[in-house]
């Protein structure tokens, strides 16, 4: 006994909703992949990649110390 028809969806309706959600997720993933490819090809993407590579290569002697240090006095 259902109180409202919106709470008792049929099996076919649930399957249609599932397929629609799956399709929406696939489209969103494709759009994200395209945005990522465009970013990687852009100047900002190349700069970010170069910055990450430089950070990996730097052998900072103060590893683990904060970049900004407070000074009182």
PDB file of N, CA and C in Angstrom:
ATOM      1  N   UNK A   1       0.839  -1.168   0.000  1.00  0.00           N
ATOM      2  CA  UNK A   1       0.000   0.000   0.000  1.00  0.00           C
ATOM      3  C   UNK A   1       0.894   1.244   0.000  1.00  0.00           C
ATOM      4  N   UNK A   2       0.881   1.951  -1.067  1.00  0.00           N
ATOM      5  CA  UNK A   2       1.693   3.153  -1.190  1.00  0.00           C
ATOM      6  C   UNK A   2       0.860   4.382  -0.871  1.00  0.00           C
ATOM      7  N   UNK A   3       1.490   5.333  -0.200  1.00  0.00           N
ATOM      8  CA  UNK A   3       0.784   6.558   0.151  1.00  0.00           C
ATOM      9  C   UNK A   3       0.705   7.514  -1.028  1.00  0.00           C
ATOM     10  N   UNK A   4       1.721   7.486  -1.848  1.00  0.00           N
ATOM     11  CA  UNK A   4       1.771   8.397  -2.984  1.00  0.00           C
ATOM     12  C   UNK A   4       2.358   7.641  -4.177  1.00  0.00           C
ATOM     13  N   UNK A   5       1.874   7.927  -5.348  1.00  0.00           N
ATOM     14  CA  UNK A   5       2.357   7.200  -6.521  1.00  0.00           C
ATOM     15  C   UNK A   5       3.820   7.504  -6.823  1.00  0.00           C
ATOM     16  N   UNK A   6       4.347   8.631  -6.322  1.00  0.00           N
ATOM     17  CA  UNK A   6       5.736   8.972  -6.600  1.00  0.00           C
ATOM     18  C   UNK A   6       6.707   8.082  -5.816  1.00  0.00           C
ATOM     19  N   UNK A   7       6.218   7.407  -4.754  1.00  0.00           N
ATOM     20  CA  UNK A   7       7.078   6.526  -3.969  1.00  0.00           C
ATOM     21  C   UNK A   7       7.068   5.092  -4.484  1.00  0.00           C
ATOM     22  N   UNK A   8       6.136   4.747  -5.321  1.00  0.00           N
ATOM     23  CA  UNK A   8       6.048   3.379  -5.816  1.00  0.00           C
ATOM     24  C   UNK A   8       6.243   3.360  -7.329  1.00  0.00           C
ATOM     25  N   UNK A   9       7.491   3.539  -7.749  1.00  0.00           N
ATOM     26  CA  UNK A   9       7.748   3.534  -9.191  1.00  0.00           C
ATOM     27  C   UNK A   9       7.836   2.097  -9.686  1.00  0.00           C
ATOM     28  N   UNK A  10       7.471   1.925 -10.903  1.00  0.00           N
ATOM     29  CA  UNK A  10       7.468   0.589 -11.465  1.00  0.00           C
ATOM     30  C   UNK A  10       8.898   0.158 -11.790  1.00  0.00           C
ATOM     31  N   UNK A  11       9.059  -1.123 -12.002  1.00  0.00           N
ATOM     32  CA  UNK A  11      10.375  -1.670 -12.319  1.00  0.00           C
ATOM     33  C   UNK A  11      10.897  -1.081 -13.626  1.00  0.00           C
ATOM     34  N   UNK A  12      10.034  -0.897 -14.590  1.00  0.00           N
ATOM     35  CA  UNK A  12      10.427  -0.322 -15.877  1.00  0.00           C
ATOM     36  C   UNK A  12      10.889   1.124 -15.699  1.00  0.00           C
ATOM     37  N   UNK A  13      10.201   1.866 -14.837  1.00  0.00           N
ATOM     38  CA  UNK A  13      10.577   3.253 -14.588  1.00  0.00           C
ATOM     39  C   UNK A  13      11.937   3.335 -13.892  1.00  0.00           C
ATOM     40  N   UNK A  14      12.167   2.442 -12.919  1.00  0.00           N
ATOM     41  CA  UNK A  14      13.471   2.424 -12.228  1.00  0.00           C
ATOM     42  C   UNK A  14      14.585   2.094 -13.199  1.00  0.00           C
ATOM     43  N   UNK A  15      14.344   1.161 -14.105  1.00  0.00           N
ATOM     44  CA  UNK A  15      15.356   0.790 -15.101  1.00  0.00           C
ATOM     45  C   UNK A  15      15.617   1.957 -16.053  1.00  0.00           C
ATOM     46  N   UNK A  16      14.566   2.654 -16.454  1.00  0.00           N
ATOM     47  CA  UNK A  16      14.724   3.818 -17.332  1.00  0.00           C
ATOM     48  C   UNK A  16      15.517   4.913 -16.628  1.00  0.00           C
ATOM     49  N   UNK A  17      15.238   5.123 -15.354  1.00  0.00           N
ATOM     50  CA  UNK A  17      15.983   6.119 -14.584  1.00  0.00           C
ATOM     51  C   UNK A  17      17.454   5.724 -14.462  1.00  0.00           C
ATOM     52  N   UNK A  18      17.711   4.442 -14.243  1.00  0.00           N
ATOM     53  CA  UNK A  18      19.085   3.961 -14.118  1.00  0.00           C
ATOM     54  C   UNK A  18      19.841   4.170 -15.413  1.00  0.00           C
ATOM     55  N   UNK A  19      19.216   3.848 -16.534  1.00  0.00           N
ATOM     56  CA  UNK A  19      19.859   4.025 -17.827  1.00  0.00           C
ATOM     57  C   UNK A  19      20.113   5.501 -18.124  1.00  0.00           C
ATOM     58  N   UNK A  20      19.163   6.337 -17.755  1.00  0.00           N
ATOM     59  CA  UNK A  20      19.321   7.776 -17.962  1.00  0.00           C
ATOM     60  C   UNK A  20      20.476   8.319 -17.116  1.00  0.00           C
ATOM     61  N   UNK A  21      20.576   7.860 -15.879  1.00  0.00           N
ATOM     62  CA  UNK A  21      21.675   8.286 -15.003  1.00  0.00           C
ATOM     63  C   UNK A  21      23.015   7.810 -15.544  1.00  0.00           C
ATOM     64  N   UNK A  22      23.045   6.594 -16.029  1.00  0.00           N
ATOM     65  CA  UNK A  22      24.275   6.038 -16.594  1.00  0.00           C
ATOM     66  C   UNK A  22      24.712   6.849 -17.814  1.00  0.00           C
ATOM     67  N   UNK A  23      23.758   7.223 -18.638  1.00  0.00           N
ATOM     68  CA  UNK A  23      24.062   8.027 -19.818  1.00  0.00           C
ATOM     69  C   UNK A  23      24.589   9.412 -19.420  1.00  0.00           C
ATOM     70  N   UNK A  24      23.958  10.007 -18.411  1.00  0.00           N
ATOM     71  CA  UNK A  24      24.400  11.324 -17.941  1.00  0.00           C
ATOM     72  C   UNK A  24      25.817  11.256 -17.379  1.00  0.00           C
ATOM     73  N   UNK A  25      26.134  10.191 -16.625  1.00  0.00           N
ATOM     74  CA  UNK A  25      27.495  10.032 -16.094  1.00  0.00           C
ATOM     75  C   UNK A  25      28.508   9.854 -17.208  1.00  0.00           C
ATOM     76  N   UNK A  26      28.155   9.107 -18.238  1.00  0.00           N
ATOM     77  CA  UNK A  26      29.061   8.901 -19.365  1.00  0.00           C
ATOM     78  C   UNK A  26      29.321  10.217 -20.102  1.00  0.00           C
ATOM     79  N   UNK A  27      28.279  11.012 -20.298  1.00  0.00           N
ATOM     80  CA  UNK A  27      28.446  12.314 -20.960  1.00  0.00           C
ATOM     81  C   UNK A  27      29.300  13.250 -20.118  1.00  0.00           C
ATOM     82  N   UNK A  28      29.104  13.237 -18.802  1.00  0.00           N
ATOM     83  CA  UNK A  28      29.893  14.092 -17.913  1.00  0.00           C
ATOM     84  C   UNK A  28      31.360  13.675 -17.928  1.00  0.00           C
ATOM     85  N   UNK A  29      31.623  12.378 -17.951  1.00  0.00           N
ATOM     86  CA  UNK A  29      33.001  11.894 -17.995  1.00  0.00           C
ATOM     87  C   UNK A  29      33.670  12.294 -19.305  1.00  0.00           C
ATOM     88  N   UNK A  30      32.952  12.215 -20.398  1.00  0.00           N
ATOM     89  CA  UNK A  30      33.497  12.609 -21.698  1.00  0.00           C
ATOM     90  C   UNK A  30      33.803  14.110 -21.724  1.00  0.00           C
ATOM     91  N   UNK A  31      32.898  14.904 -21.172  1.00  0.00           N
ATOM     92  CA  UNK A  31      33.108  16.351 -21.124  1.00  0.00           C
ATOM     93  C   UNK A  31      34.321  16.685 -20.255  1.00  0.00           C
ATOM     94  N   UNK A  32      34.482  15.992 -19.145  1.00  0.00           N
ATOM     95  CA  UNK A  32      35.633  16.224 -18.268  1.00  0.00           C
ATOM     96  C   UNK A  32      36.931  15.846 -18.971  1.00  0.00           C
ATOM     97  N   UNK A  33      36.910  14.759 -19.735  1.00  0.00           N
ATOM     98  CA  UNK A  33      38.107  14.335 -20.471  1.00  0.00           C
ATOM     99  C   UNK A  33      38.491  15.385 -21.512  1.00  0.00           C
ATOM    100  N   UNK A  34      37.512  15.929 -22.192  1.00  0.00           N
ATOM    101  CA  UNK A  34      37.769  16.955 -23.211  1.00  0.00           C
ATOM    102  C   UNK A  34      38.318  18.222 -22.564  1.00  0.00           C
ATOM    103  N   UNK A  35      37.723  18.629 -21.425  1.00  0.00           N
ATOM    104  CA  UNK A  35      38.234  19.814 -20.720  1.00  0.00           C
ATOM    105  C   UNK A  35      39.671  19.601 -20.272  1.00  0.00           C
ATOM    106  N   UNK A  36      39.994  18.396 -19.784  1.00  0.00           N
ATOM    107  CA  UNK A  36      41.355  18.087 -19.332  1.00  0.00           C
ATOM    108  C   UNK A  36      42.322  18.155 -20.503  1.00  0.00           C
ATOM    109  N   UNK A  37      41.952  17.613 -21.650  1.00  0.00           N
ATOM    110  CA  UNK A  37      42.818  17.657 -22.831  1.00  0.00           C
ATOM    111  C   UNK A  37      43.055  19.102 -23.280  1.00  0.00           C
ATOM    112  N   UNK A  38      42.004  19.910 -23.279  1.00  0.00           N
ATOM    113  CA  UNK A  38      42.159  21.322 -23.669  1.00  0.00           C
ATOM    114  C   UNK A  38      43.061  22.060 -22.693  1.00  0.00           C
ATOM    115  N   UNK A  39      42.919  21.772 -21.408  1.00  0.00           N
ATOM    116  CA  UNK A  39      43.760  22.420 -20.407  1.00  0.00           C
ATOM    117  C   UNK A  39      45.220  22.030 -20.591  1.00  0.00           C
ATOM    118  N   UNK A  40      45.474  20.750 -20.840  1.00  0.00           N
ATOM    119  CA  UNK A  40      46.845  20.287 -21.008  1.00  0.00           C
ATOM    120  C   UNK A  40      47.511  20.914 -22.231  1.00  0.00           C
ATOM    121  N   UNK A  41      46.720  21.229 -23.254  1.00  0.00           N
ATOM    122  CA  UNK A  41      47.259  21.843 -24.464  1.00  0.00           C
ATOM    123  C   UNK A  41      47.410  23.356 -24.321  1.00  0.00           C
ATOM    124  N   UNK A  42      46.743  23.948 -23.340  1.00  0.00           N
ATOM    125  CA  UNK A  42      46.785  25.406 -23.170  1.00  0.00           C
ATOM    126  C   UNK A  42      48.090  25.836 -22.509  1.00  0.00           C
ATOM    127  N   UNK A  43      48.365  27.129 -22.556  1.00  0.00           N
ATOM    128  CA  UNK A  43      49.566  27.673 -21.930  1.00  0.00           C
ATOM    129  C   UNK A  43      49.532  27.458 -20.418  1.00  0.00           C
ATOM    130  N   UNK A  44      48.371  27.607 -19.814  1.00  0.00           N
ATOM    131  CA  UNK A  44      48.258  27.408 -18.369  1.00  0.00           C
ATOM    132  C   UNK A  44      48.547  25.955 -18.000  1.00  0.00           C
ATOM    133  N   UNK A  45      48.093  25.034 -18.821  1.00  0.00           N
ATOM    134  CA  UNK A  45      48.350  23.620 -18.572  1.00  0.00           C
ATOM    135  C   UNK A  45      49.827  23.281 -18.686  1.00  0.00           C
ATOM    136  N   UNK A  46      50.469  23.854 -19.693  1.00  0.00           N
ATOM    137  CA  UNK A  46      51.914  23.611 -19.852  1.00  0.00           C
ATOM    138  C   UNK A  46      52.685  24.224 -18.695  1.00  0.00           C
ATOM    139  N   UNK A  47      52.277  25.411 -18.258  1.00  0.00           N
ATOM    140  CA  UNK A  47      52.948  26.057 -17.126  1.00  0.00           C
ATOM    141  C   UNK A  47      52.757  25.255 -15.845  1.00  0.00           C
ATOM    142  N   UNK A  48      51.563  24.746 -15.641  1.00  0.00           N
ATOM    143  CA  UNK A  48      51.304  23.937 -14.446  1.00  0.00           C
ATOM    144  C   UNK A  48      52.145  22.670 -14.471  1.00  0.00           C
ATOM    145  N   UNK A  49      52.235  22.034 -15.616  1.00  0.00           N
ATOM    146  CA  UNK A  49      53.048  20.824 -15.753  1.00  0.00           C
ATOM    147  C   UNK A  49      54.519  21.132 -15.480  1.00  0.00           C
ATOM    148  N   UNK A  50      55.025  22.253 -16.000  1.00  0.00           N
ATOM    149  CA  UNK A  50      56.416  22.648 -15.774  1.00  0.00           C
ATOM    150  C   UNK A  50      56.653  22.962 -14.299  1.00  0.00           C
ATOM    151  N   UNK A  51      55.700  23.597 -13.661  1.00  0.00           N
ATOM    152  CA  UNK A  51      55.834  23.931 -12.244  1.00  0.00           C
ATOM    153  C   UNK A  51      55.879  22.662 -11.389  1.00  0.00           C
ATOM    154  N   UNK A  52      55.045  21.695 -11.711  1.00  0.00           N
ATOM    155  CA  UNK A  52      55.045  20.432 -10.969  1.00  0.00           C
ATOM    156  C   UNK A  52      56.371  19.710 -11.162  1.00  0.00           C
ATOM    157  N   UNK A  53      56.872  19.705 -12.394  1.00  0.00           N
ATOM    158  CA  UNK A  53      58.151  19.047 -12.663  1.00  0.00           C
ATOM    159  C   UNK A  53      59.282  19.745 -11.913  1.00  0.00           C
ATOM    160  N   UNK A  54      59.269  21.069 -11.870  1.00  0.00           N
ATOM    161  CA  UNK A  54      60.308  21.812 -11.153  1.00  0.00           C
ATOM    162  C   UNK A  54      60.233  21.540  -9.656  1.00  0.00           C
ATOM    163  N   UNK A  55      59.042  21.441  -9.127  1.00  0.00           N
ATOM    164  CA  UNK A  55      58.880  21.169  -7.697  1.00  0.00           C
ATOM    165  C   UNK A  55      59.393  19.773  -7.350  1.00  0.00           C
ATOM    166  N   UNK A  56      59.200  18.815  -8.236  1.00  0.00           N
ATOM    167  CA  UNK A  56      59.675  17.453  -7.997  1.00  0.00           C
ATOM    168  C   UNK A  56      61.192  17.395  -8.048  1.00  0.00           C
ATOM    169  N   UNK A  57      61.800  18.207  -8.915  1.00  0.00           N
ATOM    170  CA  UNK A  57      63.246  18.152  -9.094  1.00  0.00           C
ATOM    171  C   UNK A  57      64.001  18.946  -8.038  1.00  0.00           C
ATOM    172  N   UNK A  58      63.372  19.930  -7.431  1.00  0.00           N
ATOM    173  CA  UNK A  58      64.083  20.769  -6.468  1.00  0.00           C
ATOM    174  C   UNK A  58      64.404  19.962  -5.209  1.00  0.00           C
ATOM    175  N   UNK A  59      65.627  20.097  -4.783  1.00  0.00           N
ATOM    176  CA  UNK A  59      66.054  19.424  -3.557  1.00  0.00           C
ATOM    177  C   UNK A  59      66.182  20.473  -2.473  1.00  0.00           C
ATOM    178  N   UNK A  60      65.063  20.828  -1.914  1.00  0.00           N
ATOM    179  CA  UNK A  60      65.017  21.879  -0.906  1.00  0.00           C
ATOM    180  C   UNK A  60      65.568  21.350   0.414  1.00  0.00           C
ATOM    181  N   UNK A  61      66.570  22.042   1.000  1.00  0.00           N
ATOM    182  CA  UNK A  61      67.125  21.570   2.266  1.00  0.00           C
ATOM    183  C   UNK A  61      66.153  21.746   3.432  1.00  0.00           C
ATOM    184  N   UNK A  62      65.184  22.643   3.295  1.00  0.00           N
ATOM    185  CA  UNK A  62      64.235  22.883   4.379  1.00  0.00           C
ATOM    186  C   UNK A  62      62.946  22.111   4.162  1.00  0.00           C
ATOM    187  N   UNK A  63      63.073  20.884   3.757  1.00  0.00           N
ATOM    188  CA  UNK A  63      61.887  20.081   3.483  1.00  0.00           C
ATOM    189  C   UNK A  63      61.090  19.878   4.777  1.00  0.00           C
ATOM    190  N   UNK A  64      59.845  20.146   4.732  1.00  0.00           N
ATOM    191  CA  UNK A  64      58.987  19.986   5.886  1.00  0.00           C
ATOM    192  C   UNK A  64      58.825  21.261   6.691  1.00  0.00           C
ATOM    193  N   UNK A  65      59.630  22.268   6.421  1.00  0.00           N
ATOM    194  CA  UNK A  65      59.503  23.538   7.133  1.00  0.00           C
ATOM    195  C   UNK A  65      58.521  24.431   6.386  1.00  0.00           C
ATOM    196  N   UNK A  66      57.849  25.307   7.091  1.00  0.00           N
ATOM    197  CA  UNK A  66      56.903  26.204   6.421  1.00  0.00           C
ATOM    198  C   UNK A  66      57.629  27.178   5.501  1.00  0.00           C
ATOM    199  N   UNK A  67      56.958  27.581   4.449  1.00  0.00           N
ATOM    200  CA  UNK A  67      57.537  28.506   3.482  1.00  0.00           C
ATOM    201  C   UNK A  67      57.632  29.897   4.092  1.00  0.00           C
ATOM    202  N   UNK A  68      56.585  30.319   4.770  1.00  0.00           N
ATOM    203  CA  UNK A  68      56.565  31.626   5.420  1.00  0.00           C
ATOM    204  C   UNK A  68      56.827  31.441   6.909  1.00  0.00           C
ATOM    205  N   UNK A  69      57.785  32.194   7.425  1.00  0.00           N
ATOM    206  CA  UNK A  69      58.088  32.107   8.851  1.00  0.00           C
ATOM    207  C   UNK A  69      57.734  33.436   9.504  1.00  0.00           C
ATOM    208  N   UNK A  70      57.112  33.371  10.662  1.00  0.00           N
ATOM    209  CA  UNK A  70      56.733  34.566  11.394  1.00  0.00           C
ATOM    210  C   UNK A  70      57.900  35.025  12.236  1.00  0.00           C
ATOM    211  N   UNK A  71      58.038  36.319  12.300  1.00  0.00           N
ATOM    212  CA  UNK A  71      59.127  36.875  13.084  1.00  0.00           C
ATOM    213  C   UNK A  71      58.544  37.913  14.027  1.00  0.00           C
ATOM    214  N   UNK A  72      58.817  37.768  15.302  1.00  0.00           N
ATOM    215  CA  UNK A  72      58.300  38.716  16.294  1.00  0.00           C
ATOM    216  C   UNK A  72      59.460  39.581  16.770  1.00  0.00           C
ATOM    217  N   UNK A  73      59.231  40.881  16.795  1.00  0.00           N
ATOM    218  CA  UNK A  73      60.253  41.760  17.346  1.00  0.00           C
ATOM    219  C   UNK A  73      60.743  42.673  16.362  1.00  0.00           C
TER     220      UNK A  73
END
